[in-house]
Amino acid sequence: MLIVFSVAVIALLAWLLVSGARGQARTVRAGLILGGASGNVLDRVLHRSVTDFIDFYIGSHHWYTFNIADSAIVVGAGLVILELFRDWRHPNQERA
């Protein structure tokens, strides 16, 4: 189920990039999400799971374990959310 959903998201993002993405910033945001989703799907298909390989400890405090693909998805989605807030605050201005 995760593979099917991920492939659908990848197809949607690829279509958005080809057909309607305006400006380099939107391309970067969509590219980060697309790359991260593709990396996770590839792991799921080849290894039947996504391998988390970055594990941080600061003293006795443990941070979440994650991978580069997850990081790309989170950064891309965060940039999309920031753009939505920026557009919400300035609805009459065209943004690239």
Protein backbone atom coordinates (compact mmCIF):
# COMPACT_ATOMS: atom_id res chain seq x y z
CA MET A 1 0.00 0.00 0.00
CA LEU A 2 2.83 2.41 0.84
CA ILE A 3 4.52 1.72 -2.49
CA VAL A 4 1.31 2.41 -4.44
CA PHE A 5 0.66 5.66 -2.53
CA SER A 6 4.28 6.76 -2.93
CA VAL A 7 4.28 6.06 -6.67
CA ALA A 8 1.06 8.09 -6.99
CA VAL A 9 2.67 11.02 -5.15
CA ILE A 10 5.79 10.74 -7.32
CA ALA A 11 3.66 10.77 -10.48
CA LEU A 12 1.70 13.80 -9.25
CA LEU A 13 4.86 15.72 -8.36
CA ALA A 14 6.50 14.84 -11.67
CA TRP A 15 3.41 16.03 -13.52
CA LEU A 16 3.37 19.28 -11.51
CA LEU A 17 7.04 19.86 -12.27
CA VAL A 18 6.56 19.30 -15.99
CA SER A 19 3.28 21.14 -16.44
CA GLY A 20 2.95 23.95 -13.99
CA ALA A 21 5.84 24.67 -11.67
CA ARG A 22 6.70 28.35 -11.87
CA GLY A 23 10.10 29.50 -10.80
CA GLN A 24 13.21 27.83 -9.55
CA ALA A 25 12.11 27.87 -5.89
CA ARG A 26 9.02 25.75 -6.58
CA THR A 27 11.09 23.36 -8.66
CA VAL A 28 13.55 22.92 -5.78
CA ARG A 29 10.76 22.28 -3.26
CA ALA A 30 9.02 19.75 -5.49
CA GLY A 31 12.37 18.20 -6.41
CA LEU A 32 13.25 17.63 -2.76
CA ILE A 33 9.94 15.92 -2.09
CA LEU A 34 10.12 13.96 -5.35
CA GLY A 35 13.68 12.81 -4.69
CA GLY A 36 12.94 11.76 -1.12
CA ALA A 37 9.80 9.87 -2.09
CA SER A 38 11.65 8.16 -4.94
CA GLY A 39 14.46 7.12 -2.61
CA ASN A 40 12.03 5.62 -0.11
CA VAL A 41 10.12 3.75 -2.84
CA LEU A 42 13.38 2.38 -4.24
CA ASP A 43 14.35 1.13 -0.77
CA ARG A 44 10.93 -0.47 -0.30
CA VAL A 45 11.07 -2.22 -3.67
CA LEU A 46 14.69 -3.41 -3.40
CA HIS A 47 14.96 -4.13 0.33
CA ARG A 48 11.30 -4.44 1.40
CA SER A 49 11.91 -1.70 3.99
CA VAL A 50 13.38 1.78 4.29
CA THR A 51 16.73 1.77 6.04
CA ASP A 52 17.23 4.53 8.58
CA PHE A 53 20.91 5.19 8.96
CA ILE A 54 21.48 8.52 10.69
CA ASP A 55 21.26 8.13 14.45
CA PHE A 56 22.13 11.04 16.76
CA TYR A 57 22.95 11.04 20.44
CA ILE A 58 23.82 14.12 22.48
CA GLY A 59 24.92 12.84 25.84
CA SER A 60 22.10 10.62 27.04
CA HIS A 61 19.53 12.27 24.76
CA HIS A 62 18.61 10.32 21.65
CA TRP A 63 17.33 12.11 18.54
CA TYR A 64 15.08 10.36 16.03
CA THR A 65 16.70 7.99 13.56
CA PHE A 66 16.19 9.06 9.94
CA ASN A 67 17.59 8.85 6.43
CA ILE A 68 18.50 11.37 3.75
CA ALA A 69 15.28 10.72 1.79
CA ASP A 70 13.17 11.51 4.86
CA SER A 71 15.16 14.69 5.40
CA ALA A 72 14.58 15.81 1.79
CA ILE A 73 10.84 15.22 2.11
CA VAL A 74 10.64 17.16 5.39
CA VAL A 75 12.71 20.09 4.09
CA GLY A 76 10.69 20.26 0.85
CA ALA A 77 7.37 20.08 2.70
CA GLY A 78 8.57 22.69 5.20
CA LEU A 79 9.44 25.04 2.35
CA VAL A 80 5.98 24.48 0.83
CA ILE A 81 4.36 25.32 4.19
CA LEU A 82 6.47 28.47 4.51
CA GLU A 83 5.34 29.54 1.04
CA LEU A 84 1.71 28.93 1.97
CA PHE A 85 2.07 31.13 5.06
CA ARG A 86 3.83 33.82 3.02
CA ASP A 87 1.07 33.76 0.38
CA TRP A 88 -1.61 33.77 3.08
CA ARG A 89 -0.16 36.92 4.62
CA HIS A 90 0.14 38.65 1.20
CA PRO A 91 -2.72 37.32 -0.94
CA ASN A 92 -2.59 40.10 -3.56
CA GLN A 93 1.06 39.63 -4.51
CA GLU A 94 2.18 37.12 -7.15
CA ARG A 95 4.94 34.82 -5.86
CA ALA A 96 7.45 32.81 -7.92
